[in-house]
Amino acid sequence: PPARIVLPQFKTFAGQSVLIAYNVAFDMKFLELKQEQSGVVFDNPVLDALLLAIYLHKDAPDHSLNGMARALGVEIEGRHTALGDAMATAAVWVRLLDLLEAQGIRTFGEAARISTRMMKERQLSSKF
């Protein structure tokens, strides 16, 4: 279905919940581009599982969703489909939550600060 149909339904479903995605900037950019067409603004708080995975696994050779799923023992089915990627991200996120908690990170605010710091570090490193 077109964005003008699906996005209002998704916004109703999500409400003001925290949105979690793997490389959330990609998804939020899509939502922003479809904002006018759908009549929906996604101003939800967000967390980027990719940035938190990088924080927790700095030395991992592959921070892609596939790479982190492998590293965390998550089996992916239906990769590169909306449902498959959402299920993979959810399974990786559950594993990341345990690792975050083991490091004393227990609140949304703490995770958001780390995510922001990791984003700034990546931006700085990509300039060089």
C-alpha atoms as a PDB file:
ATOM      1  CA  PRO A   1       0.000   0.000   0.000  1.00  0.00           C
ATOM      2  CA  PRO A   2       1.103   3.598  -0.566  1.00  0.00           C
ATOM      3  CA  ALA A   3       2.704   5.680   2.197  1.00  0.00           C
ATOM      4  CA  ARG A   4      -0.412   7.869   2.510  1.00  0.00           C
ATOM      5  CA  ILE A   5      -2.293   4.761   3.698  1.00  0.00           C
ATOM      6  CA  VAL A   6       0.363   2.870   5.650  1.00  0.00           C
ATOM      7  CA  LEU A   7       2.115   5.646   7.562  1.00  0.00           C
ATOM      8  CA  PRO A   8      -0.983   6.967   9.373  1.00  0.00           C
ATOM      9  CA  GLN A   9      -1.742   3.378  10.414  1.00  0.00           C
ATOM     10  CA  PHE A  10       1.821   2.876  11.624  1.00  0.00           C
ATOM     11  CA  LYS A  11       1.749   6.180  13.552  1.00  0.00           C
ATOM     12  CA  THR A  12      -1.465   5.100  15.275  1.00  0.00           C
ATOM     13  CA  PHE A  13       0.158   1.781  16.156  1.00  0.00           C
ATOM     14  CA  ALA A  14       3.409   3.383  17.385  1.00  0.00           C
ATOM     15  CA  GLY A  15       1.833   6.316  19.207  1.00  0.00           C
ATOM     16  CA  GLN A  16       4.645   8.132  21.008  1.00  0.00           C
ATOM     17  CA  SER A  17       6.659   4.964  21.653  1.00  0.00           C
ATOM     18  CA  VAL A  18      10.401   4.922  21.173  1.00  0.00           C
ATOM     19  CA  LEU A  19      11.249   3.871  17.624  1.00  0.00           C
ATOM     20  CA  ILE A  20      14.226   1.537  17.336  1.00  0.00           C
ATOM     21  CA  ALA A  21      15.846   0.751  14.023  1.00  0.00           C
ATOM     22  CA  TYR A  22      19.163  -0.411  12.670  1.00  0.00           C
ATOM     23  CA  ASN A  23      20.685   2.688  11.080  1.00  0.00           C
ATOM     24  CA  VAL A  24      17.685   4.731  12.149  1.00  0.00           C
ATOM     25  CA  ALA A  25      18.739   7.785  10.098  1.00  0.00           C
ATOM     26  CA  PHE A  26      17.808   5.899   6.925  1.00  0.00           C
ATOM     27  CA  ASP A  27      14.321   5.079   8.179  1.00  0.00           C
ATOM     28  CA  MET A  28      13.687   8.519   9.637  1.00  0.00           C
ATOM     29  CA  LYS A  29      14.721  10.158   6.356  1.00  0.00           C
ATOM     30  CA  PHE A  30      12.154   8.022   4.514  1.00  0.00           C
ATOM     31  CA  LEU A  31       9.456   9.006   7.032  1.00  0.00           C
ATOM     32  CA  GLU A  32      10.427  12.660   6.666  1.00  0.00           C
ATOM     33  CA  LEU A  33      10.251  12.457   2.862  1.00  0.00           C
ATOM     34  CA  LYS A  34       6.754  10.961   3.068  1.00  0.00           C
ATOM     35  CA  GLN A  35       5.533  13.358   5.761  1.00  0.00           C
ATOM     36  CA  GLU A  36       3.620  15.680   3.448  1.00  0.00           C
ATOM     37  CA  GLN A  37       2.133  12.858   1.378  1.00  0.00           C
ATOM     38  CA  SER A  38       0.993  10.904   4.444  1.00  0.00           C
ATOM     39  CA  GLY A  39       0.026  13.835   6.659  1.00  0.00           C
ATOM     40  CA  VAL A  40       1.939  12.223   9.529  1.00  0.00           C
ATOM     41  CA  VAL A  41       4.888  13.570  11.512  1.00  0.00           C
ATOM     42  CA  PHE A  42       7.049  11.051  13.328  1.00  0.00           C
ATOM     43  CA  ASP A  43       8.454  13.046  16.212  1.00  0.00           C
ATOM     44  CA  ASN A  44       8.917   9.959  18.367  1.00  0.00           C
ATOM     45  CA  PRO A  45      12.060   9.462  20.386  1.00  0.00           C
ATOM     46  CA  VAL A  46      14.432   7.143  18.522  1.00  0.00           C
ATOM     47  CA  LEU A  47      17.324   4.819  19.292  1.00  0.00           C
ATOM     48  CA  ASP A  48      19.758   3.507  16.738  1.00  0.00           C
ATOM     49  CA  ALA A  49      20.619  -0.149  17.338  1.00  0.00           C
ATOM     50  CA  LEU A  50      23.548   0.186  14.911  1.00  0.00           C
ATOM     51  CA  LEU A  51      25.206   2.926  16.954  1.00  0.00           C
ATOM     52  CA  LEU A  52      24.698   1.020  20.174  1.00  0.00           C
ATOM     53  CA  ALA A  53      26.075  -2.142  18.558  1.00  0.00           C
ATOM     54  CA  ILE A  54      29.177  -0.196  17.535  1.00  0.00           C
ATOM     55  CA  TYR A  55      29.538   1.086  21.097  1.00  0.00           C
ATOM     56  CA  LEU A  56      29.270  -2.417  22.539  1.00  0.00           C
ATOM     57  CA  HIS A  57      31.362  -4.145  19.839  1.00  0.00           C
ATOM     58  CA  LYS A  58      33.932  -1.533  18.805  1.00  0.00           C
ATOM     59  CA  ASP A  59      36.339  -4.125  17.429  1.00  0.00           C
ATOM     60  CA  ALA A  60      33.808  -6.205  15.498  1.00  0.00           C
ATOM     61  CA  PRO A  61      34.844  -6.509  11.846  1.00  0.00           C
ATOM     62  CA  ASP A  62      31.279  -6.076  10.568  1.00  0.00           C
ATOM     63  CA  HIS A  63      28.704  -3.775  12.166  1.00  0.00           C
ATOM     64  CA  SER A  64      26.039  -4.411   9.517  1.00  0.00           C
ATOM     65  CA  LEU A  65      22.773  -5.977  10.639  1.00  0.00           C
ATOM     66  CA  ASN A  66      23.950  -9.291   9.171  1.00  0.00           C
ATOM     67  CA  GLY A  67      27.323  -9.024  10.899  1.00  0.00           C
ATOM     68  CA  MET A  68      25.924  -8.149  14.300  1.00  0.00           C
ATOM     69  CA  ALA A  69      23.239 -10.815  14.025  1.00  0.00           C
ATOM     70  CA  ARG A  70      25.983 -13.375  13.386  1.00  0.00           C
ATOM     71  CA  ALA A  71      28.098 -12.045  16.266  1.00  0.00           C
ATOM     72  CA  LEU A  72      25.133 -12.187  18.649  1.00  0.00           C
ATOM     73  CA  GLY A  73      23.861 -15.576  17.515  1.00  0.00           C
ATOM     74  CA  VAL A  74      20.701 -14.253  15.879  1.00  0.00           C
ATOM     75  CA  GLU A  75      19.367 -16.161  12.891  1.00  0.00           C
ATOM     76  CA  ILE A  76      17.910 -13.951  10.153  1.00  0.00           C
ATOM     77  CA  GLU A  77      15.034 -15.058   7.953  1.00  0.00           C
ATOM     78  CA  GLY A  78      13.662 -12.945   5.129  1.00  0.00           C
ATOM     79  CA  ARG A  79      16.511 -10.430   5.012  1.00  0.00           C
ATOM     80  CA  HIS A  80      15.803  -7.303   2.970  1.00  0.00           C
ATOM     81  CA  THR A  81      12.069  -7.595   3.512  1.00  0.00           C
ATOM     82  CA  ALA A  82      10.242  -5.258   5.875  1.00  0.00           C
ATOM     83  CA  LEU A  83       9.171  -8.065   8.188  1.00  0.00           C
ATOM     84  CA  GLY A  84      12.460  -9.969   8.027  1.00  0.00           C
ATOM     85  CA  ASP A  85      14.557  -6.900   8.766  1.00  0.00           C
ATOM     86  CA  ALA A  86      12.213  -5.800  11.560  1.00  0.00           C
ATOM     87  CA  MET A  87      12.356  -9.229  13.175  1.00  0.00           C
ATOM     88  CA  ALA A  88      16.154  -9.352  12.862  1.00  0.00           C
ATOM     89  CA  THR A  89      16.489  -5.876  14.354  1.00  0.00           C
ATOM     90  CA  ALA A  90      14.182  -6.829  17.232  1.00  0.00           C
ATOM     91  CA  ALA A  91      16.201  -9.975  17.988  1.00  0.00           C
ATOM     92  CA  VAL A  92      19.500  -8.063  17.841  1.00  0.00           C
ATOM     93  CA  TRP A  93      17.980  -5.322  20.020  1.00  0.00           C
ATOM     94  CA  VAL A  94      17.010  -7.824  22.731  1.00  0.00           C
ATOM     95  CA  ARG A  95      20.608  -9.088  22.815  1.00  0.00           C
ATOM     96  CA  LEU A  96      21.942  -5.521  22.901  1.00  0.00           C
ATOM     97  CA  LEU A  97      19.661  -4.664  25.823  1.00  0.00           C
ATOM     98  CA  ASP A  98      21.253  -7.407  27.895  1.00  0.00           C
ATOM     99  CA  LEU A  99      24.734  -6.167  26.991  1.00  0.00           C
ATOM    100  CA  LEU A 100      23.824  -2.554  27.748  1.00  0.00           C
ATOM    101  CA  GLU A 101      22.407  -3.526  31.127  1.00  0.00           C
ATOM    102  CA  ALA A 102      25.558  -5.517  31.925  1.00  0.00           C
ATOM    103  CA  GLN A 103      27.481  -2.265  31.402  1.00  0.00           C
ATOM    104  CA  GLY A 104      25.155  -0.344  33.728  1.00  0.00           C
ATOM    105  CA  ILE A 105      23.143   1.327  30.971  1.00  0.00           C
ATOM    106  CA  ARG A 106      19.533   0.962  32.039  1.00  0.00           C
ATOM    107  CA  THR A 107      17.556   3.992  30.862  1.00  0.00           C
ATOM    108  CA  PHE A 108      16.469   5.460  27.567  1.00  0.00           C
ATOM    109  CA  GLY A 109      18.386   8.649  28.392  1.00  0.00           C
ATOM    110  CA  GLU A 110      21.626   6.775  28.971  1.00  0.00           C
ATOM    111  CA  ALA A 111      21.254   4.820  25.736  1.00  0.00           C
ATOM    112  CA  ALA A 112      20.292   7.981  23.814  1.00  0.00           C
ATOM    113  CA  ARG A 113      23.395   9.812  25.065  1.00  0.00           C
ATOM    114  CA  ILE A 114      25.620   6.938  23.945  1.00  0.00           C
ATOM    115  CA  SER A 115      23.868   6.796  20.572  1.00  0.00           C
ATOM    116  CA  THR A 116      24.381  10.544  20.084  1.00  0.00           C
ATOM    117  CA  ARG A 117      28.038  10.293  21.083  1.00  0.00           C
ATOM    118  CA  MET A 118      28.613   7.384  18.684  1.00  0.00           C
ATOM    119  CA  MET A 119      26.935   9.304  15.856  1.00  0.00           C
ATOM    120  CA  LYS A 120      29.229  12.301  16.451  1.00  0.00           C
ATOM    121  CA  GLU A 121      32.296  10.044  16.575  1.00  0.00           C
ATOM    122  CA  ARG A 122      31.300   8.419  13.268  1.00  0.00           C
ATOM    123  CA  GLN A 123      30.719  11.805  11.660  1.00  0.00           C
ATOM    124  CA  LEU A 124      34.135  13.013  12.804  1.00  0.00           C
ATOM    125  CA  SER A 125      35.929   9.861  11.651  1.00  0.00           C
ATOM    126  CA  SER A 126      34.258   9.976   8.219  1.00  0.00           C
ATOM    127  CA  LYS A 127      35.659  13.472   7.634  1.00  0.00           C
ATOM    128  CA  PHE A 128      39.223  12.204   7.765  1.00  0.00           C
END
